[in-house]
């Protein structure tokens, strides 16, 4: 048997064997490309939210001042009594978690779990505010919802920064420190003490 004939016989076998060996590598590359595309979209969504959320928090702080002024019968000019921000919708959050949760680092994994909870909580407060007319009978509940939104929204701002690997994210801080630092960063003259409800600080559940 000549070398050429031997090559003709072995070539299909070798090609088949190489194909089997290369399949896991090809699939891994495809998975990585898919993950990068999904995460890129998630990061774009988070950056959009990060650009808008500070303005919503500022407006909500003005609303709190307006409501407290109304309660104290000392209405402040230009301060609204009601503000309904849009709901927070991050379409690629679930897809990113399902596609490659293991590709996220520890801080991102922890943050993304918190983010699911925070979005639900924030939207719940928005629904409550939207369905409630401001009156002397509902004033206390309106104030509570605004305080909850400010606390949770400030914490969520940092959570989104962590998931997006934003250099401004605060790691290894407790909720109180994070909220206080975010409020100060946004020049909102409030602290977690001001957001206390009935002697108890708001606590986020992960």
N, C-alpha and C. Protein backbone atom coordinates (compact mmCIF):
# COMPACT_ATOMS: atom_id res chain seq x y z
N UNK A 1 0.86 -1.20 0.00
CA UNK A 1 0.00 0.00 0.00
C UNK A 1 0.88 1.24 0.00
N UNK A 2 0.62 2.14 -0.91
CA UNK A 2 1.45 3.34 -1.03
C UNK A 2 1.06 4.35 0.05
N UNK A 3 1.94 5.30 0.24
CA UNK A 3 1.68 6.35 1.24
C UNK A 3 0.43 7.15 0.89
N UNK A 4 0.24 7.39 -0.41
CA UNK A 4 -0.93 8.17 -0.85
C UNK A 4 -2.21 7.43 -0.51
N UNK A 5 -2.22 6.11 -0.76
CA UNK A 5 -3.40 5.31 -0.46
C UNK A 5 -3.66 5.29 1.05
N UNK A 6 -2.57 5.22 1.85
CA UNK A 6 -2.70 5.21 3.30
C UNK A 6 -3.29 6.52 3.80
N UNK A 7 -2.82 7.61 3.20
CA UNK A 7 -3.33 8.94 3.58
C UNK A 7 -4.82 9.03 3.27
N UNK A 8 -5.22 8.53 2.10
CA UNK A 8 -6.63 8.57 1.70
C UNK A 8 -7.51 7.80 2.69
N UNK A 9 -6.97 6.72 3.23
CA UNK A 9 -7.73 5.90 4.17
C UNK A 9 -7.81 6.59 5.54
N UNK A 10 -6.68 7.13 5.99
CA UNK A 10 -6.61 7.71 7.33
C UNK A 10 -7.22 9.12 7.43
N UNK A 11 -7.22 9.85 6.31
CA UNK A 11 -7.68 11.24 6.35
C UNK A 11 -9.10 11.41 6.90
N UNK A 12 -10.08 10.63 6.43
CA UNK A 12 -11.44 10.78 6.98
C UNK A 12 -11.50 10.46 8.48
N UNK A 13 -10.71 9.45 8.90
CA UNK A 13 -10.70 9.07 10.31
C UNK A 13 -10.12 10.19 11.16
N UNK A 14 -9.00 10.74 10.68
CA UNK A 14 -8.33 11.83 11.42
C UNK A 14 -9.24 13.06 11.47
N UNK A 15 -9.88 13.37 10.34
CA UNK A 15 -10.78 14.53 10.28
C UNK A 15 -11.94 14.36 11.27
N UNK A 16 -12.50 13.15 11.31
CA UNK A 16 -13.61 12.86 12.22
C UNK A 16 -13.16 13.01 13.69
N UNK A 17 -11.97 12.47 13.98
CA UNK A 17 -11.45 12.54 15.35
C UNK A 17 -11.19 13.99 15.77
N UNK A 18 -10.62 14.78 14.86
CA UNK A 18 -10.36 16.19 15.16
C UNK A 18 -11.66 16.96 15.37
N UNK A 19 -12.67 16.57 14.59
CA UNK A 19 -13.97 17.22 14.73
C UNK A 19 -14.56 16.98 16.10
N UNK A 20 -14.44 15.73 16.58
CA UNK A 20 -14.94 15.39 17.92
C UNK A 20 -14.18 16.15 18.99
N UNK A 21 -12.87 16.22 18.84
CA UNK A 21 -12.05 16.91 19.82
C UNK A 21 -12.31 18.42 19.83
N UNK A 22 -12.61 18.96 18.66
CA UNK A 22 -12.79 20.41 18.54
C UNK A 22 -14.18 20.88 18.98
N UNK A 23 -15.15 19.96 19.00
CA UNK A 23 -16.53 20.35 19.32
C UNK A 23 -16.67 21.09 20.65
N UNK A 24 -16.09 20.56 21.75
CA UNK A 24 -16.21 21.29 23.03
C UNK A 24 -15.60 22.70 22.97
N UNK A 25 -14.49 22.82 22.25
CA UNK A 25 -13.83 24.12 22.13
C UNK A 25 -14.71 25.10 21.37
N UNK A 26 -15.29 24.61 20.27
CA UNK A 26 -16.16 25.46 19.46
C UNK A 26 -17.39 25.89 20.25
N UNK A 27 -17.97 24.95 20.99
CA UNK A 27 -19.16 25.26 21.79
C UNK A 27 -18.83 26.26 22.89
N UNK A 28 -17.64 26.11 23.48
CA UNK A 28 -17.23 27.03 24.53
C UNK A 28 -17.05 28.44 23.98
N UNK A 29 -16.50 28.53 22.77
CA UNK A 29 -16.32 29.83 22.13
C UNK A 29 -17.67 30.45 21.81
N UNK A 30 -18.59 29.63 21.29
CA UNK A 30 -19.93 30.13 20.97
C UNK A 30 -20.65 30.61 22.23
N UNK A 31 -20.50 29.86 23.33
CA UNK A 31 -21.14 30.24 24.59
C UNK A 31 -20.57 31.56 25.10
N UNK A 32 -19.26 31.71 24.97
CA UNK A 32 -18.62 32.94 25.44
C UNK A 32 -19.08 34.15 24.61
N UNK A 33 -19.19 33.96 23.30
CA UNK A 33 -19.65 35.04 22.42
C UNK A 33 -21.09 35.42 22.78
N UNK A 34 -21.93 34.41 23.01
CA UNK A 34 -23.32 34.66 23.39
C UNK A 34 -23.40 35.42 24.71
N UNK A 35 -22.62 34.98 25.71
CA UNK A 35 -22.61 35.63 27.01
C UNK A 35 -22.17 37.09 26.89
N UNK A 36 -21.12 37.33 26.11
CA UNK A 36 -20.62 38.70 25.96
C UNK A 36 -21.69 39.60 25.35
N UNK A 37 -22.43 39.07 24.38
CA UNK A 37 -23.48 39.86 23.72
C UNK A 37 -24.60 40.19 24.70
N UNK A 38 -25.02 39.19 25.49
CA UNK A 38 -26.09 39.40 26.47
C UNK A 38 -25.64 40.38 27.54
N UNK A 39 -24.42 40.20 28.05
CA UNK A 39 -23.92 41.08 29.10
C UNK A 39 -23.75 42.51 28.60
N UNK A 40 -23.34 42.65 27.34
CA UNK A 40 -23.20 43.98 26.75
C UNK A 40 -24.55 44.70 26.74
N UNK A 41 -25.60 43.96 26.35
CA UNK A 41 -26.94 44.54 26.35
C UNK A 41 -27.40 44.88 27.76
N UNK A 42 -27.11 43.99 28.72
CA UNK A 42 -27.45 44.26 30.11
C UNK A 42 -26.75 45.52 30.60
N UNK A 43 -25.48 45.64 30.28
CA UNK A 43 -24.70 46.80 30.72
C UNK A 43 -25.26 48.09 30.12
N UNK A 44 -25.69 48.03 28.87
CA UNK A 44 -26.29 49.21 28.23
C UNK A 44 -27.57 49.62 28.96
N UNK A 45 -28.39 48.61 29.31
CA UNK A 45 -29.62 48.90 30.04
C UNK A 45 -29.32 49.51 31.41
N UNK A 46 -28.33 48.94 32.10
CA UNK A 46 -27.97 49.45 33.41
C UNK A 46 -27.43 50.87 33.32
N UNK A 47 -26.64 51.15 32.29
CA UNK A 47 -26.10 52.50 32.12
C UNK A 47 -27.22 53.51 31.86
N UNK A 48 -28.25 53.08 31.13
CA UNK A 48 -29.41 53.96 30.91
C UNK A 48 -30.10 54.26 32.24
N UNK A 49 -30.30 53.21 33.05
CA UNK A 49 -30.94 53.39 34.35
C UNK A 49 -30.07 54.24 35.28
N UNK A 50 -28.77 54.02 35.23
CA UNK A 50 -27.86 54.78 36.08
C UNK A 50 -27.85 56.26 35.71
N UNK A 51 -28.13 56.54 34.46
CA UNK A 51 -28.18 57.93 34.01
C UNK A 51 -29.46 58.63 34.46
N UNK A 52 -30.54 57.84 34.60
CA UNK A 52 -31.85 58.42 34.92
C UNK A 52 -32.22 58.37 36.40
N UNK A 53 -31.79 57.33 37.09
CA UNK A 53 -32.21 57.14 38.48
C UNK A 53 -31.85 58.31 39.41
N UNK A 54 -30.66 58.89 39.31
CA UNK A 54 -30.34 60.03 40.19
C UNK A 54 -31.37 61.15 40.11
N UNK A 55 -31.84 61.48 38.91
CA UNK A 55 -32.84 62.55 38.75
C UNK A 55 -34.16 62.15 39.42
N UNK A 56 -34.52 60.86 39.35
CA UNK A 56 -35.75 60.41 39.99
C UNK A 56 -35.62 60.49 41.52
N UNK A 57 -34.45 60.17 42.02
CA UNK A 57 -34.23 60.25 43.46
C UNK A 57 -34.27 61.71 43.94
N UNK A 58 -33.69 62.60 43.16
CA UNK A 58 -33.72 64.02 43.50
C UNK A 58 -35.17 64.54 43.53
N UNK A 59 -35.94 64.17 42.52
CA UNK A 59 -37.34 64.58 42.46
C UNK A 59 -38.13 63.99 43.62
N UNK A 60 -37.81 62.76 43.98
CA UNK A 60 -38.51 62.12 45.09
C UNK A 60 -38.15 62.79 46.42
N UNK A 61 -36.92 63.26 46.56
CA UNK A 61 -36.53 63.96 47.79
C UNK A 61 -37.29 65.28 47.90
N UNK A 62 -37.52 65.94 46.77
CA UNK A 62 -38.31 67.17 46.78
C UNK A 62 -39.77 66.87 47.15
N UNK A 63 -40.25 65.73 46.69
CA UNK A 63 -41.61 65.32 47.03
C UNK A 63 -41.74 65.06 48.52
N UNK A 64 -40.72 64.44 49.10
CA UNK A 64 -40.73 64.19 50.54
C UNK A 64 -40.79 65.51 51.30
N UNK A 65 -40.00 66.49 50.85
CA UNK A 65 -40.01 67.80 51.49
C UNK A 65 -41.39 68.45 51.38
N UNK A 66 -42.01 68.30 50.21
CA UNK A 66 -43.35 68.85 50.00
C UNK A 66 -44.38 68.22 50.90
N UNK A 67 -44.34 66.91 51.02
CA UNK A 67 -45.30 66.19 51.86
C UNK A 67 -45.10 66.50 53.34
N UNK A 68 -43.84 66.56 53.76
CA UNK A 68 -43.57 66.87 55.16
C UNK A 68 -43.98 68.31 55.49
N UNK A 69 -43.77 69.21 54.51
CA UNK A 69 -44.22 70.58 54.71
C UNK A 69 -45.73 70.66 54.84
N UNK A 70 -46.42 69.86 54.03
CA UNK A 70 -47.89 69.82 54.08
C UNK A 70 -48.36 69.30 55.44
N UNK A 71 -47.68 68.28 55.93
CA UNK A 71 -48.05 67.70 57.22
C UNK A 71 -47.84 68.70 58.36
N UNK A 72 -46.76 69.45 58.23
CA UNK A 72 -46.44 70.44 59.28
C UNK A 72 -47.14 71.77 59.04
N UNK A 73 -48.01 71.81 58.01
CA UNK A 73 -48.74 73.02 57.64
C UNK A 73 -47.80 74.18 57.37
N UNK A 74 -46.71 73.82 56.69
CA UNK A 74 -45.72 74.82 56.28
C UNK A 74 -45.29 74.49 54.85
N UNK A 75 -46.22 74.68 53.92
CA UNK A 75 -46.02 74.29 52.52
C UNK A 75 -44.84 75.04 51.92
N UNK A 76 -43.93 74.28 51.29
CA UNK A 76 -42.75 74.88 50.66
C UNK A 76 -43.04 75.14 49.19
N UNK A 77 -42.77 76.33 48.75
CA UNK A 77 -43.01 76.71 47.36
C UNK A 77 -42.16 75.88 46.40
N UNK A 78 -42.80 75.37 45.37
CA UNK A 78 -42.09 74.61 44.35
C UNK A 78 -41.85 73.16 44.68
N UNK A 79 -42.24 72.71 45.86
CA UNK A 79 -42.06 71.31 46.25
C UNK A 79 -43.33 70.52 45.94
N UNK A 80 -43.24 69.48 45.13
CA UNK A 80 -44.43 68.71 44.74
C UNK A 80 -44.95 67.85 45.89
N UNK A 81 -46.23 67.52 45.82
CA UNK A 81 -46.83 66.61 46.80
C UNK A 81 -46.89 65.19 46.26
N UNK A 82 -46.77 65.06 44.95
CA UNK A 82 -46.87 63.73 44.35
C UNK A 82 -45.97 63.65 43.12
N UNK A 83 -45.26 62.54 43.03
CA UNK A 83 -44.38 62.29 41.88
C UNK A 83 -44.40 60.80 41.60
N UNK A 84 -44.73 60.45 40.38
CA UNK A 84 -44.79 59.04 39.99
C UNK A 84 -43.72 58.75 38.95
N UNK A 85 -42.59 58.18 39.36
CA UNK A 85 -41.55 57.82 38.39
C UNK A 85 -41.96 56.58 37.61
N UNK A 86 -41.32 56.37 36.49
CA UNK A 86 -41.62 55.17 35.70
C UNK A 86 -41.07 53.93 36.41
N UNK A 87 -41.62 52.80 36.06
CA UNK A 87 -41.15 51.54 36.62
C UNK A 87 -39.76 51.20 36.07
N UNK A 88 -39.02 50.44 36.85
CA UNK A 88 -37.69 50.01 36.43
C UNK A 88 -37.80 48.70 35.67
N UNK A 89 -37.39 48.71 34.42
CA UNK A 89 -37.46 47.50 33.59
C UNK A 89 -36.10 47.23 32.97
N UNK A 90 -35.53 46.08 33.32
CA UNK A 90 -34.23 45.68 32.77
C UNK A 90 -34.42 44.33 32.11
N UNK A 91 -34.62 44.36 30.80
CA UNK A 91 -35.04 43.17 30.07
C UNK A 91 -33.97 42.07 30.05
N UNK A 92 -32.69 42.43 30.07
CA UNK A 92 -31.64 41.42 29.92
C UNK A 92 -31.13 40.90 31.27
N UNK A 93 -31.74 41.32 32.37
CA UNK A 93 -31.28 40.88 33.68
C UNK A 93 -31.46 39.37 33.85
N UNK A 94 -32.66 38.88 33.57
CA UNK A 94 -32.93 37.45 33.71
C UNK A 94 -32.11 36.64 32.72
N UNK A 95 -32.02 37.12 31.47
CA UNK A 95 -31.27 36.39 30.44
C UNK A 95 -29.80 36.27 30.82
N UNK A 96 -29.24 37.34 31.39
CA UNK A 96 -27.83 37.31 31.78
C UNK A 96 -27.60 36.32 32.92
N UNK A 97 -28.54 36.29 33.85
CA UNK A 97 -28.42 35.38 34.98
C UNK A 97 -28.49 33.92 34.51
N UNK A 98 -29.42 33.65 33.61
CA UNK A 98 -29.60 32.29 33.12
C UNK A 98 -28.47 31.87 32.19
N UNK A 99 -27.94 32.79 31.40
CA UNK A 99 -26.93 32.45 30.40
C UNK A 99 -25.59 32.08 31.02
N UNK A 100 -25.16 32.85 31.99
CA UNK A 100 -23.82 32.58 32.51
C UNK A 100 -23.63 33.18 33.89
N UNK A 101 -24.41 32.72 34.83
CA UNK A 101 -24.29 33.23 36.20
C UNK A 101 -22.89 32.98 36.75
N UNK A 102 -22.31 31.86 36.35
CA UNK A 102 -20.99 31.50 36.86
C UNK A 102 -19.89 32.40 36.32
N UNK A 103 -20.17 33.12 35.25
CA UNK A 103 -19.16 34.03 34.68
C UNK A 103 -19.09 35.35 35.44
N UNK A 104 -20.10 35.62 36.27
CA UNK A 104 -20.08 36.83 37.08
C UNK A 104 -19.15 36.62 38.27
N UNK A 105 -18.50 37.70 38.72
CA UNK A 105 -17.67 37.55 39.91
C UNK A 105 -18.56 37.54 41.16
N UNK A 106 -17.97 37.31 42.31
CA UNK A 106 -18.74 37.16 43.56
C UNK A 106 -19.58 38.39 43.86
N UNK A 107 -19.01 39.57 43.70
CA UNK A 107 -19.74 40.80 43.99
C UNK A 107 -20.92 40.98 43.04
N UNK A 108 -20.72 40.63 41.78
CA UNK A 108 -21.81 40.74 40.80
C UNK A 108 -22.91 39.74 41.11
N UNK A 109 -22.54 38.52 41.47
CA UNK A 109 -23.56 37.51 41.79
C UNK A 109 -24.41 37.94 42.97
N UNK A 110 -23.77 38.45 44.00
CA UNK A 110 -24.50 38.93 45.17
C UNK A 110 -25.40 40.10 44.79
N UNK A 111 -24.85 41.02 43.99
CA UNK A 111 -25.59 42.23 43.60
C UNK A 111 -26.79 41.89 42.72
N UNK A 112 -26.63 40.96 41.81
CA UNK A 112 -27.70 40.65 40.87
C UNK A 112 -28.89 40.01 41.59
N UNK A 113 -28.60 39.25 42.66
CA UNK A 113 -29.68 38.70 43.48
C UNK A 113 -30.45 39.83 44.17
N UNK A 114 -29.70 40.79 44.72
CA UNK A 114 -30.33 41.93 45.38
C UNK A 114 -31.13 42.77 44.40
N UNK A 115 -30.61 42.90 43.18
CA UNK A 115 -31.26 43.76 42.18
C UNK A 115 -32.66 43.27 41.85
N UNK A 116 -32.84 41.95 41.73
CA UNK A 116 -34.17 41.40 41.48
C UNK A 116 -35.15 41.86 42.56
N UNK A 117 -34.72 41.74 43.82
CA UNK A 117 -35.57 42.12 44.95
C UNK A 117 -35.85 43.62 44.96
N UNK A 118 -34.84 44.41 44.69
CA UNK A 118 -34.98 45.87 44.74
C UNK A 118 -35.92 46.38 43.65
N UNK A 119 -35.83 45.82 42.47
CA UNK A 119 -36.71 46.25 41.38
C UNK A 119 -38.17 45.98 41.73
N UNK A 120 -38.44 44.79 42.26
CA UNK A 120 -39.81 44.44 42.66
C UNK A 120 -40.31 45.39 43.74
N UNK A 121 -39.47 45.66 44.74
CA UNK A 121 -39.86 46.55 45.84
C UNK A 121 -40.12 47.96 45.34
N UNK A 122 -39.23 48.47 44.49
CA UNK A 122 -39.38 49.83 43.99
C UNK A 122 -40.65 49.98 43.17
N UNK A 123 -40.93 49.00 42.34
CA UNK A 123 -42.15 49.05 41.52
C UNK A 123 -43.40 48.95 42.39
N UNK A 124 -43.30 48.23 43.49
CA UNK A 124 -44.43 48.13 44.43
C UNK A 124 -44.73 49.49 45.04
N UNK A 125 -43.69 50.23 45.39
CA UNK A 125 -43.88 51.56 45.97
C UNK A 125 -44.50 52.50 44.93
N UNK A 126 -44.05 52.38 43.68
CA UNK A 126 -44.59 53.23 42.61
C UNK A 126 -46.08 52.95 42.40
N UNK A 127 -46.45 51.66 42.40
CA UNK A 127 -47.86 51.29 42.25
C UNK A 127 -48.70 51.84 43.39
N UNK A 128 -48.16 51.77 44.60
CA UNK A 128 -48.88 52.27 45.76
C UNK A 128 -49.07 53.78 45.68
N UNK A 129 -48.01 54.48 45.28
CA UNK A 129 -48.10 55.94 45.15
C UNK A 129 -49.06 56.34 44.04
N UNK A 130 -49.03 55.60 42.96
CA UNK A 130 -49.87 55.91 41.81
C UNK A 130 -51.36 55.74 42.13
N UNK A 131 -51.65 54.77 42.99
CA UNK A 131 -53.05 54.49 43.31
C UNK A 131 -53.58 55.23 44.52
N UNK A 132 -52.79 56.17 45.04
CA UNK A 132 -53.19 56.86 46.26
C UNK A 132 -53.22 58.38 46.05
N UNK A 133 -54.36 58.97 46.31
CA UNK A 133 -54.47 60.42 46.25
C UNK A 133 -53.90 61.02 47.53
N UNK A 134 -53.24 62.15 47.39
CA UNK A 134 -52.67 62.81 48.56
C UNK A 134 -53.76 63.57 49.31
N UNK A 135 -53.94 63.23 50.56
CA UNK A 135 -54.92 63.91 51.41
C UNK A 135 -54.41 63.83 52.85
N UNK A 136 -55.04 64.51 53.74
CA UNK A 136 -54.61 64.47 55.14
C UNK A 136 -54.76 63.06 55.71
N UNK A 137 -55.72 62.29 55.17
CA UNK A 137 -55.93 60.92 55.63
C UNK A 137 -54.84 59.97 55.14
N UNK A 138 -54.31 60.24 53.95
CA UNK A 138 -53.31 59.34 53.37
C UNK A 138 -51.89 59.88 53.48
N UNK A 139 -51.73 61.04 54.09
CA UNK A 139 -50.45 61.73 54.10
C UNK A 139 -49.32 60.89 54.69
N UNK A 140 -49.58 60.24 55.82
CA UNK A 140 -48.54 59.44 56.46
C UNK A 140 -48.09 58.29 55.57
N UNK A 141 -49.05 57.63 54.92
CA UNK A 141 -48.71 56.52 54.04
C UNK A 141 -47.95 57.00 52.81
N UNK A 142 -48.33 58.17 52.30
CA UNK A 142 -47.61 58.75 51.16
C UNK A 142 -46.15 59.02 51.53
N UNK A 143 -45.94 59.57 52.71
CA UNK A 143 -44.58 59.86 53.19
C UNK A 143 -43.77 58.57 53.33
N UNK A 144 -44.41 57.53 53.87
CA UNK A 144 -43.72 56.24 54.02
C UNK A 144 -43.27 55.69 52.67
N UNK A 145 -44.16 55.75 51.67
CA UNK A 145 -43.81 55.22 50.35
C UNK A 145 -42.65 55.99 49.73
N UNK A 146 -42.65 57.31 49.91
CA UNK A 146 -41.56 58.12 49.37
C UNK A 146 -40.25 57.80 50.06
N UNK A 147 -40.29 57.63 51.37
CA UNK A 147 -39.09 57.27 52.12
C UNK A 147 -38.55 55.91 51.67
N UNK A 148 -39.47 54.97 51.50
CA UNK A 148 -39.05 53.63 51.06
C UNK A 148 -38.42 53.69 49.67
N UNK A 149 -39.01 54.50 48.80
CA UNK A 149 -38.46 54.63 47.44
C UNK A 149 -37.05 55.22 47.50
N UNK A 150 -36.87 56.25 48.29
CA UNK A 150 -35.56 56.89 48.39
C UNK A 150 -34.51 55.93 48.94
N UNK A 151 -34.87 55.17 49.96
CA UNK A 151 -33.92 54.24 50.56
C UNK A 151 -33.57 53.12 49.57
N UNK A 152 -34.59 52.47 49.05
CA UNK A 152 -34.37 51.34 48.15
C UNK A 152 -33.72 51.80 46.85
N UNK A 153 -34.17 52.95 46.33
CA UNK A 153 -33.60 53.47 45.08
C UNK A 153 -32.14 53.82 45.21
N UNK A 154 -31.75 54.40 46.35
CA UNK A 154 -30.34 54.74 46.58
C UNK A 154 -29.48 53.48 46.65
N UNK A 155 -30.01 52.48 47.34
CA UNK A 155 -29.29 51.21 47.43
C UNK A 155 -29.20 50.55 46.06
N UNK A 156 -30.29 50.62 45.29
CA UNK A 156 -30.31 49.99 43.96
C UNK A 156 -29.33 50.66 43.00
N UNK A 157 -29.14 51.96 43.16
CA UNK A 157 -28.18 52.66 42.31
C UNK A 157 -26.80 52.03 42.46
N UNK A 158 -26.42 51.75 43.70
CA UNK A 158 -25.11 51.12 43.93
C UNK A 158 -25.10 49.67 43.45
N UNK A 159 -26.22 48.97 43.61
CA UNK A 159 -26.30 47.58 43.15
C UNK A 159 -26.09 47.49 41.64
N UNK A 160 -26.74 48.40 40.90
CA UNK A 160 -26.59 48.39 39.44
C UNK A 160 -25.16 48.73 39.04
N UNK A 161 -24.54 49.62 39.76
CA UNK A 161 -23.13 49.94 39.49
C UNK A 161 -22.25 48.71 39.67
N UNK A 162 -22.56 47.92 40.69
CA UNK A 162 -21.76 46.72 40.95
C UNK A 162 -21.92 45.70 39.83
N UNK A 163 -23.16 45.47 39.39
CA UNK A 163 -23.41 44.52 38.31
C UNK A 163 -22.74 44.98 37.02
N UNK A 164 -22.76 46.30 36.78
CA UNK A 164 -22.17 46.86 35.56
C UNK A 164 -20.66 47.06 35.67
N UNK A 165 -20.08 46.70 36.81
CA UNK A 165 -18.66 46.89 37.08
C UNK A 165 -18.26 48.36 36.95
N UNK A 166 -19.14 49.20 37.46
CA UNK A 166 -18.88 50.64 37.47
C UNK A 166 -17.89 50.96 38.59
N UNK A 167 -16.90 51.79 38.28
CA UNK A 167 -15.86 52.09 39.26
C UNK A 167 -16.38 52.83 40.49
N UNK A 168 -17.59 53.39 40.40
CA UNK A 168 -18.16 54.13 41.53
C UNK A 168 -18.87 53.23 42.53
N UNK A 169 -18.99 51.94 42.23
CA UNK A 169 -19.72 51.05 43.12
C UNK A 169 -19.01 50.91 44.46
N UNK A 170 -19.80 50.80 45.51
CA UNK A 170 -19.28 50.65 46.86
C UNK A 170 -19.39 49.19 47.26
N UNK A 171 -18.27 48.57 47.53
CA UNK A 171 -18.24 47.16 47.92
C UNK A 171 -17.93 47.05 49.41
N UNK A 172 -18.37 45.98 50.01
CA UNK A 172 -18.08 45.70 51.43
C UNK A 172 -18.57 46.82 52.35
N UNK A 173 -19.72 47.40 52.01
CA UNK A 173 -20.35 48.40 52.87
C UNK A 173 -21.74 47.88 53.26
N UNK A 174 -22.21 48.27 54.44
CA UNK A 174 -23.57 47.88 54.81
C UNK A 174 -24.57 48.82 54.14
N UNK A 175 -25.85 48.43 54.17
CA UNK A 175 -26.89 49.20 53.46
C UNK A 175 -26.95 50.65 53.92
N UNK A 176 -26.82 50.86 55.22
CA UNK A 176 -26.92 52.22 55.76
C UNK A 176 -25.82 53.12 55.20
N UNK A 177 -24.59 52.61 55.20
CA UNK A 177 -23.47 53.39 54.66
C UNK A 177 -23.65 53.68 53.19
N UNK A 178 -24.10 52.67 52.44
CA UNK A 178 -24.30 52.84 51.00
C UNK A 178 -25.34 53.92 50.72
N UNK A 179 -26.48 53.84 51.39
CA UNK A 179 -27.55 54.81 51.16
C UNK A 179 -27.08 56.22 51.53
N UNK A 180 -26.40 56.35 52.66
CA UNK A 180 -25.91 57.67 53.07
C UNK A 180 -24.91 58.25 52.08
N UNK A 181 -24.03 57.40 51.57
CA UNK A 181 -23.02 57.87 50.62
C UNK A 181 -23.67 58.26 49.28
N UNK A 182 -24.66 57.51 48.84
CA UNK A 182 -25.34 57.83 47.58
C UNK A 182 -26.11 59.14 47.72
N UNK A 183 -26.82 59.30 48.82
CA UNK A 183 -27.57 60.53 49.06
C UNK A 183 -26.64 61.74 49.08
N UNK A 184 -25.50 61.59 49.72
CA UNK A 184 -24.53 62.68 49.79
C UNK A 184 -23.95 62.99 48.40
N UNK A 185 -23.68 61.92 47.65
CA UNK A 185 -23.15 62.09 46.30
C UNK A 185 -24.11 62.88 45.41
N UNK A 186 -25.41 62.65 45.59
CA UNK A 186 -26.43 63.31 44.77
C UNK A 186 -26.84 64.67 45.36
N UNK A 187 -26.16 65.07 46.41
CA UNK A 187 -26.47 66.34 47.09
C UNK A 187 -27.91 66.39 47.60
N UNK A 188 -28.39 65.24 48.02
CA UNK A 188 -29.70 65.16 48.68
C UNK A 188 -29.46 65.28 50.17
N UNK A 189 -30.00 66.32 50.77
CA UNK A 189 -29.71 66.61 52.17
C UNK A 189 -30.58 65.77 53.11
N UNK A 190 -30.40 64.46 52.98
CA UNK A 190 -31.09 63.50 53.82
C UNK A 190 -30.10 62.42 54.23
N UNK A 191 -30.42 61.73 55.33
CA UNK A 191 -29.65 60.56 55.73
C UNK A 191 -30.65 59.44 56.01
N UNK A 192 -30.13 58.26 56.32
CA UNK A 192 -31.03 57.14 56.64
C UNK A 192 -31.86 57.45 57.88
N UNK A 193 -31.35 58.30 58.76
CA UNK A 193 -32.14 58.70 59.93
C UNK A 193 -33.41 59.42 59.52
N UNK A 194 -33.30 60.22 58.46
CA UNK A 194 -34.47 60.96 57.96
C UNK A 194 -35.48 60.04 57.27
N UNK A 195 -35.02 58.85 56.88
CA UNK A 195 -35.88 57.91 56.18
C UNK A 195 -36.46 56.84 57.10
N UNK A 196 -36.21 57.01 58.39
CA UNK A 196 -36.73 56.06 59.38
C UNK A 196 -38.25 56.11 59.44
N UNK A 197 -38.86 54.93 59.54
CA UNK A 197 -40.32 54.84 59.64
C UNK A 197 -40.69 54.21 60.99
N UNK A 198 -41.42 54.96 61.79
CA UNK A 198 -41.89 54.48 63.10
C UNK A 198 -40.75 53.93 63.95
N UNK A 199 -39.65 54.66 63.96
CA UNK A 199 -38.54 54.28 64.84
C UNK A 199 -37.70 53.13 64.34
N UNK A 200 -38.02 52.62 63.15
CA UNK A 200 -37.25 51.50 62.59
C UNK A 200 -36.69 51.88 61.24
N UNK A 201 -35.41 51.60 61.03
CA UNK A 201 -34.80 51.88 59.74
C UNK A 201 -35.33 50.88 58.73
N UNK A 202 -35.39 51.30 57.49
CA UNK A 202 -35.83 50.40 56.42
C UNK A 202 -34.75 49.35 56.19
N UNK A 203 -35.14 48.12 56.07
CA UNK A 203 -34.19 47.03 55.86
C UNK A 203 -34.53 46.34 54.55
N UNK A 204 -33.52 46.19 53.69
CA UNK A 204 -33.72 45.49 52.43
C UNK A 204 -33.46 44.00 52.65
N UNK A 205 -34.35 43.18 52.13
CA UNK A 205 -34.19 41.73 52.21
C UNK A 205 -33.61 41.23 50.91
N UNK A 206 -32.53 40.45 50.99
CA UNK A 206 -31.89 39.90 49.78
C UNK A 206 -32.58 38.63 49.36
